[in-house]
N, C-alpha and C. Protein backbone atom coordinates (compact mmCIF):
# COMPACT_ATOMS: atom_id res chain seq x y z
N MET A 1 146.05 -37.55 167.46
CA MET A 1 147.16 -37.30 166.56
C MET A 1 147.26 -35.80 166.34
N ASN A 2 148.45 -35.26 166.50
CA ASN A 2 148.72 -33.85 166.30
C ASN A 2 148.87 -33.60 164.80
N LEU A 3 147.93 -32.87 164.21
CA LEU A 3 147.96 -32.63 162.76
C LEU A 3 149.08 -31.69 162.34
N ASP A 4 149.62 -30.91 163.28
CA ASP A 4 150.71 -29.99 162.97
C ASP A 4 152.08 -30.66 163.11
N PHE A 5 152.11 -31.89 163.58
CA PHE A 5 153.38 -32.58 163.81
C PHE A 5 154.07 -32.89 162.48
N ILE A 6 155.35 -32.61 162.41
CA ILE A 6 156.13 -32.92 161.22
C ILE A 6 157.02 -34.12 161.55
N PRO A 7 156.79 -35.26 160.91
CA PRO A 7 157.59 -36.46 161.19
C PRO A 7 159.07 -36.22 160.89
N TYR A 8 159.92 -36.98 161.60
CA TYR A 8 161.36 -36.90 161.37
C TYR A 8 161.98 -38.27 161.61
N PHE A 9 163.19 -38.44 161.10
CA PHE A 9 163.85 -39.74 161.16
C PHE A 9 164.65 -39.91 162.44
N SER A 10 164.74 -41.17 162.88
CA SER A 10 165.59 -41.55 164.00
C SER A 10 166.25 -42.87 163.63
N SER A 11 167.14 -43.34 164.46
CA SER A 11 167.83 -44.61 164.18
C SER A 11 166.88 -45.81 164.22
N LEU A 12 165.72 -45.67 164.86
CA LEU A 12 164.75 -46.77 164.93
C LEU A 12 163.71 -46.71 163.82
N GLY A 13 163.58 -45.58 163.16
CA GLY A 13 162.56 -45.41 162.13
C GLY A 13 162.09 -43.97 162.12
N THR A 14 160.87 -43.75 161.65
CA THR A 14 160.32 -42.40 161.55
C THR A 14 159.50 -42.07 162.79
N VAL A 15 159.85 -40.95 163.45
CA VAL A 15 159.06 -40.47 164.58
C VAL A 15 157.82 -39.82 163.97
N ILE A 16 156.66 -40.41 164.26
CA ILE A 16 155.42 -39.93 163.64
C ILE A 16 154.58 -39.07 164.57
N ASN A 17 154.94 -39.03 165.85
CA ASN A 17 154.20 -38.20 166.79
C ASN A 17 154.91 -38.21 168.14
N HIS A 18 154.53 -37.27 168.98
CA HIS A 18 154.90 -37.25 170.39
C HIS A 18 153.60 -37.37 171.15
N GLU A 19 153.53 -38.29 172.10
CA GLU A 19 152.36 -38.42 172.97
C GLU A 19 152.85 -38.34 174.40
N GLY A 20 152.54 -37.23 175.07
CA GLY A 20 153.06 -37.03 176.41
C GLY A 20 154.57 -36.99 176.35
N ASN A 21 155.23 -37.80 177.17
CA ASN A 21 156.69 -37.88 177.16
C ASN A 21 157.18 -39.08 176.36
N ASN A 22 156.48 -39.44 175.31
CA ASN A 22 156.84 -40.60 174.49
C ASN A 22 157.01 -40.20 173.03
N TYR A 23 157.98 -40.85 172.40
CA TYR A 23 158.11 -40.79 170.95
C TYR A 23 157.27 -41.93 170.38
N ILE A 24 156.48 -41.66 169.37
CA ILE A 24 155.76 -42.72 168.66
C ILE A 24 156.49 -42.90 167.34
N ILE A 25 157.04 -44.11 167.15
CA ILE A 25 157.95 -44.36 166.03
C ILE A 25 157.42 -45.48 165.15
N ALA A 26 157.39 -45.21 163.84
CA ALA A 26 157.10 -46.25 162.85
C ALA A 26 158.44 -46.86 162.47
N THR A 27 158.67 -48.09 162.91
CA THR A 27 159.96 -48.73 162.67
C THR A 27 160.10 -49.17 161.21
N THR A 28 161.33 -49.46 160.83
CA THR A 28 161.59 -49.86 159.45
C THR A 28 160.95 -51.20 159.11
N ASP A 29 160.60 -52.01 160.13
CA ASP A 29 159.95 -53.29 159.85
C ASP A 29 158.42 -53.19 159.94
N GLY A 30 157.89 -51.95 160.00
CA GLY A 30 156.45 -51.74 159.93
C GLY A 30 155.71 -51.69 161.25
N ARG A 31 156.41 -51.84 162.38
CA ARG A 31 155.74 -51.78 163.69
C ARG A 31 155.60 -50.33 164.13
N ILE A 32 154.66 -50.07 165.03
CA ILE A 32 154.53 -48.77 165.69
C ILE A 32 154.91 -49.00 167.15
N ILE A 33 155.92 -48.26 167.62
CA ILE A 33 156.38 -48.45 168.99
C ILE A 33 156.39 -47.12 169.73
N GLY A 34 156.37 -47.19 171.05
CA GLY A 34 156.49 -46.02 171.89
C GLY A 34 157.79 -46.09 172.68
N ILE A 35 158.55 -45.01 172.68
CA ILE A 35 159.80 -44.92 173.43
C ILE A 35 159.69 -43.73 174.37
N ALA A 36 159.97 -43.95 175.65
CA ALA A 36 159.89 -42.87 176.63
C ALA A 36 161.06 -41.92 176.46
N ALA A 37 160.78 -40.62 176.59
CA ALA A 37 161.81 -39.60 176.57
C ALA A 37 162.23 -39.30 178.00
N ARG A 38 163.43 -38.76 178.15
CA ARG A 38 163.90 -38.38 179.48
C ARG A 38 163.31 -37.04 179.92
N GLY A 39 162.72 -36.33 179.03
CA GLY A 39 162.05 -35.05 179.31
C GLY A 39 161.01 -34.87 178.23
N ASN A 40 160.96 -33.70 177.67
CA ASN A 40 160.07 -33.48 176.54
C ASN A 40 160.69 -34.08 175.29
N PRO A 41 159.96 -34.90 174.56
CA PRO A 41 160.54 -35.48 173.35
C PRO A 41 160.79 -34.40 172.29
N SER A 42 161.92 -34.52 171.60
CA SER A 42 162.24 -33.56 170.55
C SER A 42 163.17 -34.21 169.54
N GLN A 43 163.23 -33.60 168.37
CA GLN A 43 164.11 -34.11 167.34
C GLN A 43 165.57 -34.02 167.78
N GLU A 44 165.89 -33.02 168.57
CA GLU A 44 167.26 -32.81 169.03
C GLU A 44 167.70 -33.87 170.03
N THR A 45 166.77 -34.45 170.80
CA THR A 45 167.15 -35.38 171.87
C THR A 45 166.78 -36.83 171.59
N VAL A 46 166.15 -37.12 170.44
CA VAL A 46 165.64 -38.47 170.20
C VAL A 46 166.74 -39.52 170.26
N GLU A 47 167.90 -39.28 169.65
CA GLU A 47 168.96 -40.29 169.64
C GLU A 47 169.52 -40.52 171.03
N THR A 48 169.65 -39.47 171.83
CA THR A 48 170.11 -39.62 173.21
C THR A 48 169.11 -40.42 174.02
N ASP A 49 167.82 -40.13 173.83
CA ASP A 49 166.77 -40.86 174.56
C ASP A 49 166.73 -42.33 174.16
N ILE A 50 166.98 -42.63 172.87
CA ILE A 50 167.00 -44.02 172.42
C ILE A 50 168.22 -44.75 173.01
N ALA A 51 169.37 -44.07 173.00
CA ALA A 51 170.61 -44.70 173.47
C ALA A 51 170.65 -44.85 174.99
N ASN A 52 169.96 -43.98 175.70
CA ASN A 52 169.96 -43.98 177.16
C ASN A 52 168.53 -44.05 177.67
N PRO A 53 167.91 -45.22 177.56
CA PRO A 53 166.48 -45.31 177.94
C PRO A 53 166.27 -45.01 179.41
N THR A 54 165.07 -44.51 179.69
CA THR A 54 164.69 -44.29 181.08
C THR A 54 164.54 -45.66 181.73
N THR A 55 164.22 -45.68 182.99
CA THR A 55 164.06 -46.98 183.66
C THR A 55 163.05 -47.81 182.89
N PRO A 56 163.28 -49.11 182.81
CA PRO A 56 162.37 -49.95 182.03
C PRO A 56 160.93 -49.85 182.52
N LEU A 57 160.02 -49.94 181.58
CA LEU A 57 158.61 -49.93 181.93
C LEU A 57 158.27 -51.21 182.69
N GLN A 58 157.36 -51.06 183.65
CA GLN A 58 156.89 -52.26 184.33
C GLN A 58 156.10 -53.08 183.31
N GLN A 59 156.11 -54.36 183.50
CA GLN A 59 155.39 -55.22 182.58
C GLN A 59 153.91 -54.87 182.60
N VAL A 60 153.37 -54.68 181.42
CA VAL A 60 151.95 -54.38 181.27
C VAL A 60 151.20 -55.70 181.27
N THR A 61 150.27 -55.85 182.20
CA THR A 61 149.58 -57.13 182.33
C THR A 61 148.20 -57.14 181.68
N SER A 62 147.66 -55.94 181.38
CA SER A 62 146.32 -55.88 180.81
C SER A 62 146.18 -54.62 179.97
N VAL A 63 145.46 -54.75 178.85
CA VAL A 63 145.14 -53.61 178.00
C VAL A 63 143.66 -53.70 177.65
N ARG A 64 143.12 -52.59 177.18
CA ARG A 64 141.74 -52.60 176.72
C ARG A 64 141.66 -53.33 175.38
N ASN A 65 140.55 -53.97 175.12
CA ASN A 65 140.35 -54.68 173.86
C ASN A 65 140.54 -53.72 172.68
N ALA A 66 140.09 -52.46 172.83
CA ALA A 66 140.24 -51.47 171.75
C ALA A 66 141.72 -51.21 171.47
N GLN A 67 142.57 -51.19 172.51
CA GLN A 67 144.00 -51.00 172.31
C GLN A 67 144.60 -52.18 171.55
N LEU A 68 144.19 -53.40 171.92
CA LEU A 68 144.66 -54.59 171.22
C LEU A 68 144.29 -54.52 169.75
N ARG A 69 143.04 -54.21 169.47
CA ARG A 69 142.57 -54.20 168.08
C ARG A 69 143.27 -53.12 167.26
N GLN A 70 143.47 -51.94 167.85
CA GLN A 70 144.18 -50.88 167.13
C GLN A 70 145.63 -51.29 166.86
N TRP A 71 146.26 -51.93 167.84
CA TRP A 71 147.64 -52.38 167.66
C TRP A 71 147.70 -53.44 166.58
N LEU A 72 146.77 -54.38 166.58
CA LEU A 72 146.75 -55.41 165.54
C LEU A 72 146.62 -54.78 164.15
N ILE A 73 145.79 -53.75 164.03
CA ILE A 73 145.64 -53.05 162.76
C ILE A 73 146.96 -52.39 162.37
N ASP A 74 147.60 -51.70 163.33
CA ASP A 74 148.88 -51.03 163.06
C ASP A 74 149.95 -52.01 162.60
N GLN A 75 149.90 -53.24 163.11
CA GLN A 75 150.90 -54.25 162.77
C GLN A 75 150.48 -55.13 161.59
N ASN A 76 149.33 -54.81 160.99
CA ASN A 76 148.78 -55.61 159.88
C ASN A 76 148.53 -57.06 160.29
N LEU A 77 148.11 -57.25 161.53
CA LEU A 77 147.82 -58.59 162.05
C LEU A 77 146.34 -58.81 162.33
N ASP A 78 145.52 -57.79 162.17
CA ASP A 78 144.10 -57.92 162.51
C ASP A 78 143.42 -59.00 161.68
N GLU A 79 143.69 -59.04 160.39
CA GLU A 79 143.03 -60.04 159.54
C GLU A 79 143.57 -61.44 159.82
N VAL A 80 144.83 -61.54 160.23
CA VAL A 80 145.40 -62.84 160.57
C VAL A 80 144.69 -63.41 161.79
N VAL A 81 144.56 -62.59 162.84
CA VAL A 81 143.89 -63.04 164.06
C VAL A 81 142.42 -63.35 163.78
N GLU A 82 141.77 -62.47 163.05
CA GLU A 82 140.35 -62.72 162.74
C GLU A 82 140.19 -63.98 161.89
N GLY A 83 141.17 -64.26 161.03
CA GLY A 83 141.14 -65.49 160.24
C GLY A 83 141.25 -66.72 161.12
N LYS A 84 142.10 -66.64 162.14
CA LYS A 84 142.25 -67.77 163.07
C LYS A 84 140.97 -68.00 163.86
N LEU A 85 140.23 -66.92 164.11
CA LEU A 85 138.98 -67.04 164.87
C LEU A 85 137.77 -67.30 163.98
N ALA A 86 137.96 -67.24 162.67
CA ALA A 86 136.82 -67.38 161.75
C ALA A 86 136.38 -68.83 161.55
N SER A 87 137.27 -69.76 161.77
CA SER A 87 136.95 -71.16 161.47
C SER A 87 137.23 -72.05 162.68
N ALA A 88 136.30 -72.93 162.94
CA ALA A 88 136.45 -73.87 164.05
C ALA A 88 137.48 -74.96 163.73
N ASP A 89 137.88 -75.07 162.48
CA ASP A 89 138.78 -76.15 162.05
C ASP A 89 140.12 -76.18 162.78
N THR A 90 140.62 -75.02 163.19
CA THR A 90 141.93 -74.97 163.83
C THR A 90 141.86 -75.04 165.36
N TRP A 91 140.68 -75.27 165.89
CA TRP A 91 140.50 -75.29 167.34
C TRP A 91 140.24 -76.73 167.81
N PRO A 92 140.58 -77.04 169.06
CA PRO A 92 140.41 -78.41 169.56
C PRO A 92 138.97 -78.91 169.50
N ASP A 93 138.01 -78.01 169.78
CA ASP A 93 136.60 -78.39 169.72
C ASP A 93 135.76 -77.14 169.51
N ILE A 94 134.50 -77.33 169.20
CA ILE A 94 133.60 -76.23 168.85
C ILE A 94 133.37 -75.28 170.03
N LYS A 95 133.28 -75.82 171.26
CA LYS A 95 133.05 -74.96 172.43
C LYS A 95 134.24 -74.04 172.68
N THR A 96 135.45 -74.57 172.57
CA THR A 96 136.64 -73.76 172.76
C THR A 96 136.68 -72.63 171.75
N TRP A 97 136.35 -72.95 170.49
CA TRP A 97 136.33 -71.95 169.42
C TRP A 97 135.29 -70.87 169.70
N LYS A 98 134.07 -71.27 170.08
CA LYS A 98 133.01 -70.31 170.35
C LYS A 98 133.37 -69.38 171.51
N LYS A 99 133.98 -69.95 172.56
CA LYS A 99 134.38 -69.15 173.72
C LYS A 99 135.48 -68.16 173.34
N ALA A 100 136.44 -68.61 172.54
CA ALA A 100 137.53 -67.72 172.10
C ALA A 100 136.97 -66.56 171.28
N LYS A 101 136.07 -66.86 170.36
CA LYS A 101 135.44 -65.82 169.54
C LYS A 101 134.68 -64.82 170.40
N ALA A 102 133.91 -65.33 171.35
CA ALA A 102 133.12 -64.46 172.21
C ALA A 102 134.02 -63.54 173.04
N ARG A 103 135.10 -64.10 173.55
CA ARG A 103 136.02 -63.29 174.36
C ARG A 103 136.70 -62.22 173.51
N TYR A 104 137.12 -62.56 172.31
CA TYR A 104 137.76 -61.59 171.42
C TYR A 104 136.79 -60.46 171.07
N GLU A 105 135.54 -60.80 170.88
CA GLU A 105 134.56 -59.80 170.46
C GLU A 105 134.02 -58.96 171.62
N TYR A 106 133.87 -59.55 172.81
CA TYR A 106 133.11 -58.85 173.85
C TYR A 106 133.89 -58.55 175.14
N GLU A 107 135.00 -59.18 175.37
CA GLU A 107 135.76 -58.97 176.60
C GLU A 107 136.33 -57.55 176.59
N PRO A 108 136.07 -56.74 177.63
CA PRO A 108 136.56 -55.36 177.61
C PRO A 108 138.07 -55.23 177.78
N ASN A 109 138.68 -56.18 178.49
CA ASN A 109 140.13 -56.13 178.74
C ASN A 109 140.78 -57.43 178.30
N VAL A 110 142.04 -57.31 177.93
CA VAL A 110 142.82 -58.46 177.48
C VAL A 110 144.00 -58.61 178.43
N ASN A 111 144.13 -59.78 179.04
CA ASN A 111 145.21 -60.04 180.00
C ASN A 111 146.38 -60.73 179.33
N ARG A 112 147.58 -60.25 179.60
CA ARG A 112 148.80 -60.78 179.00
C ARG A 112 148.99 -62.26 179.31
N THR A 113 148.58 -62.69 180.49
CA THR A 113 148.81 -64.08 180.92
C THR A 113 147.67 -65.02 180.53
N ASP A 114 146.68 -64.52 179.83
CA ASP A 114 145.55 -65.34 179.41
C ASP A 114 146.02 -66.43 178.45
N ALA A 115 145.53 -67.64 178.62
CA ALA A 115 145.95 -68.77 177.78
C ALA A 115 145.67 -68.51 176.30
N LEU A 116 144.56 -67.84 176.00
CA LEU A 116 144.23 -67.52 174.60
C LEU A 116 145.25 -66.55 174.01
N VAL A 117 145.63 -65.54 174.77
CA VAL A 117 146.63 -64.57 174.32
C VAL A 117 147.96 -65.27 174.06
N ILE A 118 148.37 -66.11 174.98
CA ILE A 118 149.64 -66.83 174.83
C ILE A 118 149.60 -67.73 173.60
N ALA A 119 148.50 -68.46 173.43
CA ALA A 119 148.38 -69.37 172.27
C ALA A 119 148.38 -68.61 170.95
N LEU A 120 147.60 -67.52 170.87
CA LEU A 120 147.58 -66.74 169.63
C LEU A 120 148.94 -66.08 169.38
N GLY A 121 149.58 -65.61 170.45
CA GLY A 121 150.92 -65.04 170.31
C GLY A 121 151.91 -66.05 169.75
N GLN A 122 151.86 -67.26 170.26
CA GLN A 122 152.75 -68.31 169.76
C GLN A 122 152.42 -68.66 168.31
N ASP A 123 151.13 -68.71 167.97
CA ASP A 123 150.73 -68.96 166.58
C ASP A 123 151.27 -67.89 165.64
N LEU A 124 151.37 -66.66 166.14
CA LEU A 124 151.88 -65.55 165.33
C LEU A 124 153.41 -65.49 165.34
N GLY A 125 154.05 -66.37 166.11
CA GLY A 125 155.51 -66.42 166.15
C GLY A 125 156.15 -65.50 167.16
N PHE A 126 155.38 -65.00 168.13
CA PHE A 126 155.92 -64.10 169.15
C PHE A 126 156.60 -64.88 170.26
N THR A 127 157.75 -64.40 170.71
CA THR A 127 158.38 -64.92 171.93
C THR A 127 157.70 -64.24 173.12
N ASP A 128 157.97 -64.72 174.33
CA ASP A 128 157.42 -64.07 175.52
C ASP A 128 157.85 -62.61 175.60
N GLU A 129 159.13 -62.35 175.28
CA GLU A 129 159.65 -60.99 175.33
C GLU A 129 158.95 -60.10 174.32
N GLN A 130 158.70 -60.62 173.12
CA GLN A 130 158.01 -59.84 172.09
C GLN A 130 156.56 -59.57 172.48
N LEU A 131 155.93 -60.54 173.13
CA LEU A 131 154.55 -60.33 173.59
C LEU A 131 154.51 -59.28 174.70
N ASP A 132 155.49 -59.31 175.61
CA ASP A 132 155.59 -58.28 176.65
C ASP A 132 155.76 -56.90 176.01
N ALA A 133 156.64 -56.81 175.01
CA ALA A 133 156.87 -55.53 174.34
C ALA A 133 155.61 -55.07 173.61
N ALA A 134 154.89 -56.01 173.01
CA ALA A 134 153.66 -55.67 172.31
C ALA A 134 152.64 -55.08 173.29
N PHE A 135 152.51 -55.68 174.47
CA PHE A 135 151.58 -55.16 175.47
C PHE A 135 152.01 -53.78 175.95
N ALA A 136 153.32 -53.56 176.08
CA ALA A 136 153.81 -52.22 176.46
C ALA A 136 153.44 -51.21 175.38
N GLU A 137 153.59 -51.58 174.11
CA GLU A 137 153.21 -50.70 173.00
C GLU A 137 151.70 -50.43 173.02
N MET A 138 150.92 -51.48 173.21
CA MET A 138 149.45 -51.33 173.24
C MET A 138 149.02 -50.37 174.32
N SER A 139 149.70 -50.42 175.47
CA SER A 139 149.30 -49.58 176.60
C SER A 139 149.47 -48.10 176.29
N LEU A 140 150.27 -47.75 175.29
CA LEU A 140 150.47 -46.34 174.92
C LEU A 140 149.40 -45.82 173.98
N ILE A 141 148.57 -46.71 173.45
CA ILE A 141 147.51 -46.31 172.53
C ILE A 141 146.36 -45.72 173.33
N PRO A 142 145.95 -44.50 172.99
CA PRO A 142 144.85 -43.86 173.76
C PRO A 142 143.52 -44.58 173.56
């Protein structure tokens, strides 16, 4: 995080940082998103870059577990997911629950197409498109 950065407003929310050629924006609904700039991101060009996006990002199929966890914290979903993993009561059987917990805690990478990711995403109310966008956002987290 650039400590000298001065946040500014955009039509999507508050631009809280520039990372490489990306705007990092805190949206009005509380999400943190990354938007690619057509050049160097700036306050003068943010609206043009939002209105005329660069070519769409390729679908992100995998992120590091640390990126997932940081994103969950940014979205205020970390305690929700940990709550779902805290009790075996909501799982089909004890082995499935134990395996899910172990993977969440120790797996170095998280795959978008993993059955656990899809199930937890659906439990959280995410559509496939929203889950794809979430993985794209996660991939921007250092």
